[in-house]
Amino acid sequence: MVGIIVKEVISKEYELDVDPDADSKTTLAKKELKKEIDRLNNEKKKPEEAKSFEDADKSIKDLEKAIKELKAILKEKQAQLALKLIIKRYGTEDEKTDSNKLLHYNKS
């Protein structure tokens, strides 16, 4: 639930278009890029022309890595927010009691 709200807020705040088909389009683009790199390197023997495509491929991989790291940070922040909301709603004593119950249950 929080994730959906966060996506909506981020989309509105930064005016991003969230495209549900983005993953399939990205996968297709990466496949085509890889084919073109292989064609230029192997068939045409023109590695200098393939350089720009290789740079684009590297940029895509770097961006995907950054997105993955940001998603991990987002997930961590969402967990922290959920904990803060629980503490705010029920107080720290209830949270401590629940945590101690879980610890005791896990030790058994």
N, C-alpha and C. Protein backbone atom coordinates (compact mmCIF):
# COMPACT_ATOMS: atom_id res chain seq x y z
N MET A 1 0.82 -1.19 0.00
CA MET A 1 0.00 0.00 0.00
C MET A 1 0.87 1.26 0.00
N VAL A 2 1.87 1.27 0.89
CA VAL A 2 2.77 2.42 0.97
C VAL A 2 3.52 2.58 -0.34
N GLY A 3 3.93 1.46 -0.94
CA GLY A 3 4.66 1.52 -2.21
C GLY A 3 3.85 2.18 -3.31
N ILE A 4 2.56 1.88 -3.36
CA ILE A 4 1.70 2.47 -4.38
C ILE A 4 1.59 3.98 -4.16
N ILE A 5 1.42 4.36 -2.91
CA ILE A 5 1.31 5.78 -2.58
C ILE A 5 2.60 6.50 -2.92
N VAL A 6 3.74 5.89 -2.58
CA VAL A 6 5.04 6.50 -2.87
C VAL A 6 5.21 6.68 -4.37
N LYS A 7 4.85 5.66 -5.16
CA LYS A 7 4.95 5.77 -6.62
C LYS A 7 4.11 6.92 -7.15
N GLU A 8 2.88 7.03 -6.62
CA GLU A 8 2.00 8.11 -7.07
C GLU A 8 2.58 9.47 -6.73
N VAL A 9 3.09 9.60 -5.51
CA VAL A 9 3.66 10.88 -5.08
C VAL A 9 4.87 11.23 -5.93
N ILE A 10 5.76 10.25 -6.13
CA ILE A 10 6.95 10.50 -6.93
C ILE A 10 6.57 10.84 -8.37
N SER A 11 5.61 10.13 -8.93
CA SER A 11 5.17 10.39 -10.30
C SER A 11 4.63 11.80 -10.44
N LYS A 12 3.82 12.22 -9.47
CA LYS A 12 3.23 13.55 -9.54
C LYS A 12 4.28 14.63 -9.28
N GLU A 13 5.13 14.39 -8.27
CA GLU A 13 6.11 15.41 -7.90
C GLU A 13 7.12 15.65 -9.00
N TYR A 14 7.58 14.60 -9.63
CA TYR A 14 8.61 14.74 -10.66
C TYR A 14 8.05 14.63 -12.07
N GLU A 15 6.73 14.57 -12.19
CA GLU A 15 6.04 14.48 -13.47
C GLU A 15 6.59 13.35 -14.33
N LEU A 16 6.67 12.17 -13.74
CA LEU A 16 7.16 11.00 -14.45
C LEU A 16 5.98 10.22 -15.02
N ASP A 17 6.16 9.69 -16.20
CA ASP A 17 5.17 8.79 -16.77
C ASP A 17 5.57 7.37 -16.39
N VAL A 18 4.69 6.70 -15.69
CA VAL A 18 4.95 5.32 -15.31
C VAL A 18 4.32 4.43 -16.38
N ASP A 19 5.17 3.83 -17.19
CA ASP A 19 4.72 3.00 -18.30
C ASP A 19 4.75 1.54 -17.87
N PRO A 20 3.60 0.87 -17.86
CA PRO A 20 3.59 -0.54 -17.43
C PRO A 20 4.34 -1.46 -18.38
N ASP A 21 4.52 -1.07 -19.63
CA ASP A 21 5.23 -1.90 -20.61
C ASP A 21 6.71 -1.53 -20.71
N ALA A 22 7.20 -0.72 -19.79
CA ALA A 22 8.57 -0.24 -19.86
C ALA A 22 9.58 -1.37 -19.79
N ASP A 23 9.33 -2.36 -18.93
CA ASP A 23 10.28 -3.47 -18.79
C ASP A 23 10.41 -4.26 -20.08
N SER A 24 9.30 -4.55 -20.74
CA SER A 24 9.37 -5.33 -21.98
C SER A 24 10.03 -4.52 -23.09
N LYS A 25 9.78 -3.22 -23.11
CA LYS A 25 10.41 -2.37 -24.12
C LYS A 25 11.91 -2.29 -23.89
N THR A 26 12.31 -2.20 -22.62
CA THR A 26 13.73 -2.12 -22.28
C THR A 26 14.44 -3.41 -22.66
N THR A 27 13.81 -4.53 -22.36
CA THR A 27 14.40 -5.83 -22.69
C THR A 27 14.58 -5.96 -24.20
N LEU A 28 13.57 -5.56 -24.95
CA LEU A 28 13.66 -5.62 -26.41
C LEU A 28 14.77 -4.71 -26.93
N ALA A 29 14.87 -3.51 -26.38
CA ALA A 29 15.90 -2.57 -26.82
C ALA A 29 17.29 -3.12 -26.51
N LYS A 30 17.46 -3.73 -25.35
CA LYS A 30 18.77 -4.30 -25.00
C LYS A 30 19.14 -5.45 -25.93
N LYS A 31 18.16 -6.28 -26.29
CA LYS A 31 18.43 -7.39 -27.21
C LYS A 31 18.86 -6.86 -28.58
N GLU A 32 18.15 -5.87 -29.07
CA GLU A 32 18.49 -5.30 -30.37
C GLU A 32 19.86 -4.62 -30.33
N LEU A 33 20.15 -3.95 -29.25
CA LEU A 33 21.45 -3.31 -29.08
C LEU A 33 22.56 -4.34 -29.09
N LYS A 34 22.36 -5.44 -28.39
CA LYS A 34 23.34 -6.52 -28.34
C LYS A 34 23.55 -7.13 -29.74
N LYS A 35 22.46 -7.33 -30.47
CA LYS A 35 22.56 -7.88 -31.83
C LYS A 35 23.38 -6.96 -32.73
N GLU A 36 23.12 -5.65 -32.61
CA GLU A 36 23.83 -4.69 -33.45
C GLU A 36 25.32 -4.66 -33.10
N ILE A 37 25.64 -4.73 -31.83
CA ILE A 37 27.05 -4.76 -31.40
C ILE A 37 27.74 -6.00 -31.97
N ASP A 38 27.09 -7.14 -31.84
CA ASP A 38 27.66 -8.39 -32.35
C ASP A 38 27.83 -8.33 -33.87
N ARG A 39 26.84 -7.78 -34.55
CA ARG A 39 26.90 -7.68 -36.02
C ARG A 39 28.07 -6.81 -36.45
N LEU A 40 28.22 -5.66 -35.79
CA LEU A 40 29.31 -4.76 -36.18
C LEU A 40 30.68 -5.35 -35.84
N ASN A 41 30.79 -6.02 -34.71
CA ASN A 41 32.08 -6.58 -34.32
C ASN A 41 32.44 -7.82 -35.13
N ASN A 42 31.49 -8.70 -35.36
CA ASN A 42 31.79 -10.00 -35.98
C ASN A 42 31.65 -9.99 -37.50
N GLU A 43 30.52 -9.53 -37.99
CA GLU A 43 30.27 -9.61 -39.43
C GLU A 43 30.98 -8.51 -40.21
N LYS A 44 30.86 -7.29 -39.74
CA LYS A 44 31.41 -6.16 -40.50
C LYS A 44 32.83 -5.81 -40.09
N LYS A 45 33.28 -6.35 -38.98
CA LYS A 45 34.65 -6.09 -38.48
C LYS A 45 34.91 -4.59 -38.34
N LYS A 46 33.95 -3.90 -37.72
CA LYS A 46 34.08 -2.46 -37.51
C LYS A 46 33.85 -2.13 -36.03
N PRO A 47 34.84 -2.43 -35.20
CA PRO A 47 34.67 -2.19 -33.76
C PRO A 47 34.53 -0.70 -33.41
N GLU A 48 35.09 0.17 -34.26
CA GLU A 48 34.97 1.61 -33.98
C GLU A 48 33.52 2.09 -34.10
N GLU A 49 32.76 1.49 -35.01
CA GLU A 49 31.34 1.83 -35.14
C GLU A 49 30.53 1.22 -34.00
N ALA A 50 30.97 0.10 -33.51
CA ALA A 50 30.27 -0.58 -32.41
C ALA A 50 30.50 0.13 -31.08
N LYS A 51 31.52 0.96 -31.02
CA LYS A 51 31.87 1.64 -29.77
C LYS A 51 30.70 2.45 -29.20
N SER A 52 30.00 3.20 -30.04
CA SER A 52 28.88 4.02 -29.55
C SER A 52 27.76 3.14 -28.98
N PHE A 53 27.54 1.98 -29.63
CA PHE A 53 26.52 1.06 -29.14
C PHE A 53 26.95 0.43 -27.82
N GLU A 54 28.23 0.12 -27.71
CA GLU A 54 28.75 -0.45 -26.46
C GLU A 54 28.64 0.57 -25.33
N ASP A 55 28.90 1.84 -25.64
CA ASP A 55 28.75 2.89 -24.64
C ASP A 55 27.30 3.01 -24.18
N ALA A 56 26.38 2.91 -25.12
CA ALA A 56 24.95 2.97 -24.79
C ALA A 56 24.56 1.78 -23.91
N ASP A 57 25.09 0.60 -24.25
CA ASP A 57 24.82 -0.60 -23.46
C ASP A 57 25.35 -0.45 -22.04
N LYS A 58 26.54 0.09 -21.92
CA LYS A 58 27.13 0.32 -20.60
C LYS A 58 26.31 1.32 -19.80
N SER A 59 25.83 2.36 -20.46
CA SER A 59 25.00 3.36 -19.79
C SER A 59 23.70 2.74 -19.28
N ILE A 60 23.10 1.89 -20.10
CA ILE A 60 21.87 1.21 -19.69
C ILE A 60 22.13 0.35 -18.47
N LYS A 61 23.22 -0.41 -18.49
CA LYS A 61 23.54 -1.28 -17.36
C LYS A 61 23.82 -0.46 -16.10
N ASP A 62 24.51 0.67 -16.24
CA ASP A 62 24.77 1.53 -15.09
C ASP A 62 23.48 2.09 -14.51
N LEU A 63 22.57 2.50 -15.40
CA LEU A 63 21.29 3.03 -14.94
C LEU A 63 20.45 1.96 -14.26
N GLU A 64 20.47 0.75 -14.81
CA GLU A 64 19.73 -0.35 -14.18
C GLU A 64 20.29 -0.66 -12.79
N LYS A 65 21.61 -0.60 -12.65
CA LYS A 65 22.23 -0.83 -11.35
C LYS A 65 21.81 0.25 -10.35
N ALA A 66 21.80 1.50 -10.81
CA ALA A 66 21.39 2.61 -9.95
C ALA A 66 19.92 2.46 -9.53
N ILE A 67 19.08 2.05 -10.47
CA ILE A 67 17.66 1.85 -10.16
C ILE A 67 17.50 0.75 -9.13
N LYS A 68 18.26 -0.34 -9.29
CA LYS A 68 18.18 -1.45 -8.35
C LYS A 68 18.59 -0.99 -6.94
N GLU A 69 19.65 -0.20 -6.86
CA GLU A 69 20.10 0.31 -5.56
C GLU A 69 19.06 1.24 -4.96
N LEU A 70 18.46 2.08 -5.78
CA LEU A 70 17.43 3.00 -5.28
C LEU A 70 16.18 2.26 -4.81
N LYS A 71 15.84 1.18 -5.51
CA LYS A 71 14.70 0.37 -5.08
C LYS A 71 14.97 -0.26 -3.72
N ALA A 72 16.21 -0.70 -3.50
CA ALA A 72 16.57 -1.28 -2.20
C ALA A 72 16.47 -0.22 -1.10
N ILE A 73 16.94 0.98 -1.40
CA ILE A 73 16.86 2.08 -0.43
C ILE A 73 15.40 2.43 -0.16
N LEU A 74 14.58 2.47 -1.21
CA LEU A 74 13.16 2.76 -1.06
C LEU A 74 12.49 1.71 -0.17
N LYS A 75 12.82 0.45 -0.39
CA LYS A 75 12.23 -0.61 0.41
C LYS A 75 12.61 -0.46 1.88
N GLU A 76 13.87 -0.12 2.13
CA GLU A 76 14.33 0.09 3.50
C GLU A 76 13.60 1.27 4.14
N LYS A 77 13.47 2.36 3.40
CA LYS A 77 12.78 3.55 3.91
C LYS A 77 11.30 3.27 4.18
N GLN A 78 10.69 2.45 3.33
CA GLN A 78 9.29 2.09 3.54
C GLN A 78 9.13 1.28 4.83
N ALA A 79 10.08 0.38 5.08
CA ALA A 79 10.03 -0.41 6.31
C ALA A 79 10.21 0.50 7.53
N GLN A 80 11.12 1.44 7.44
CA GLN A 80 11.32 2.39 8.53
C GLN A 80 10.07 3.22 8.77
N LEU A 81 9.45 3.66 7.70
CA LEU A 81 8.23 4.45 7.81
C LEU A 81 7.11 3.63 8.45
N ALA A 82 6.97 2.39 8.01
CA ALA A 82 5.94 1.53 8.58
C ALA A 82 6.15 1.35 10.08
N LEU A 83 7.40 1.15 10.49
CA LEU A 83 7.71 1.01 11.91
C LEU A 83 7.38 2.29 12.67
N LYS A 84 7.74 3.42 12.11
CA LYS A 84 7.44 4.70 12.76
C LYS A 84 5.94 4.91 12.90
N LEU A 85 5.18 4.52 11.88
CA LEU A 85 3.73 4.65 11.95
C LEU A 85 3.13 3.74 13.02
N ILE A 86 3.66 2.53 13.11
CA ILE A 86 3.19 1.60 14.15
C ILE A 86 3.47 2.17 15.53
N ILE A 87 4.68 2.67 15.72
CA ILE A 87 5.05 3.24 17.01
C ILE A 87 4.18 4.45 17.32
N LYS A 88 3.92 5.27 16.32
CA LYS A 88 3.10 6.46 16.55
C LYS A 88 1.66 6.07 16.90
N ARG A 89 1.13 5.05 16.25
CA ARG A 89 -0.25 4.63 16.51
C ARG A 89 -0.39 3.94 17.86
N TYR A 90 0.51 3.01 18.14
CA TYR A 90 0.32 2.14 19.30
C TYR A 90 1.27 2.42 20.45
N GLY A 91 2.28 3.21 20.21
CA GLY A 91 3.24 3.51 21.26
C GLY A 91 4.38 2.51 21.25
N THR A 92 5.43 2.86 21.96
CA THR A 92 6.62 2.02 21.96
C THR A 92 6.46 0.78 22.82
N GLU A 93 5.63 0.84 23.85
CA GLU A 93 5.47 -0.32 24.73
C GLU A 93 4.85 -1.50 23.99
N ASP A 94 3.82 -1.24 23.21
CA ASP A 94 3.21 -2.33 22.44
C ASP A 94 4.20 -2.91 21.44
N GLU A 95 4.98 -2.05 20.82
CA GLU A 95 5.98 -2.52 19.84
C GLU A 95 7.04 -3.36 20.54
N LYS A 96 7.48 -2.93 21.70
CA LYS A 96 8.48 -3.70 22.46
C LYS A 96 7.91 -5.05 22.86
N THR A 97 6.66 -5.06 23.30
CA THR A 97 6.02 -6.31 23.71
C THR A 97 5.94 -7.28 22.53
N ASP A 98 5.49 -6.78 21.39
CA ASP A 98 5.40 -7.64 20.19
C ASP A 98 6.77 -8.16 19.77
N SER A 99 7.78 -7.29 19.81
CA SER A 99 9.15 -7.71 19.43
C SER A 99 9.67 -8.77 20.38
N ASN A 100 9.43 -8.59 21.69
CA ASN A 100 9.88 -9.57 22.68
C ASN A 100 9.17 -10.91 22.49
N LYS A 101 7.89 -10.87 22.15
CA LYS A 101 7.15 -12.11 21.88
C LYS A 101 7.76 -12.83 20.68
N LEU A 102 8.07 -12.08 19.63
CA LEU A 102 8.68 -12.68 18.45
C LEU A 102 10.05 -13.27 18.77
N LEU A 103 10.85 -12.54 19.54
CA LEU A 103 12.17 -13.05 19.93
C LEU A 103 12.05 -14.33 20.75
N HIS A 104 11.11 -14.32 21.69
CA HIS A 104 10.93 -15.50 22.53
C HIS A 104 10.44 -16.68 21.69
N TYR A 105 9.55 -16.40 20.75
CA TYR A 105 9.03 -17.46 19.86
C TYR A 105 10.14 -18.03 18.99
N ASN A 106 11.03 -17.17 18.49
CA ASN A 106 12.12 -17.63 17.63
C ASN A 106 13.16 -18.43 18.41
N LYS A 107 13.36 -18.12 19.67
CA LYS A 107 14.32 -18.86 20.49
C LYS A 107 13.82 -20.26 20.81
N SER A 108 12.50 -20.41 20.85
CA SER A 108 11.92 -21.73 21.21
C SER A 108 12.04 -22.73 20.13
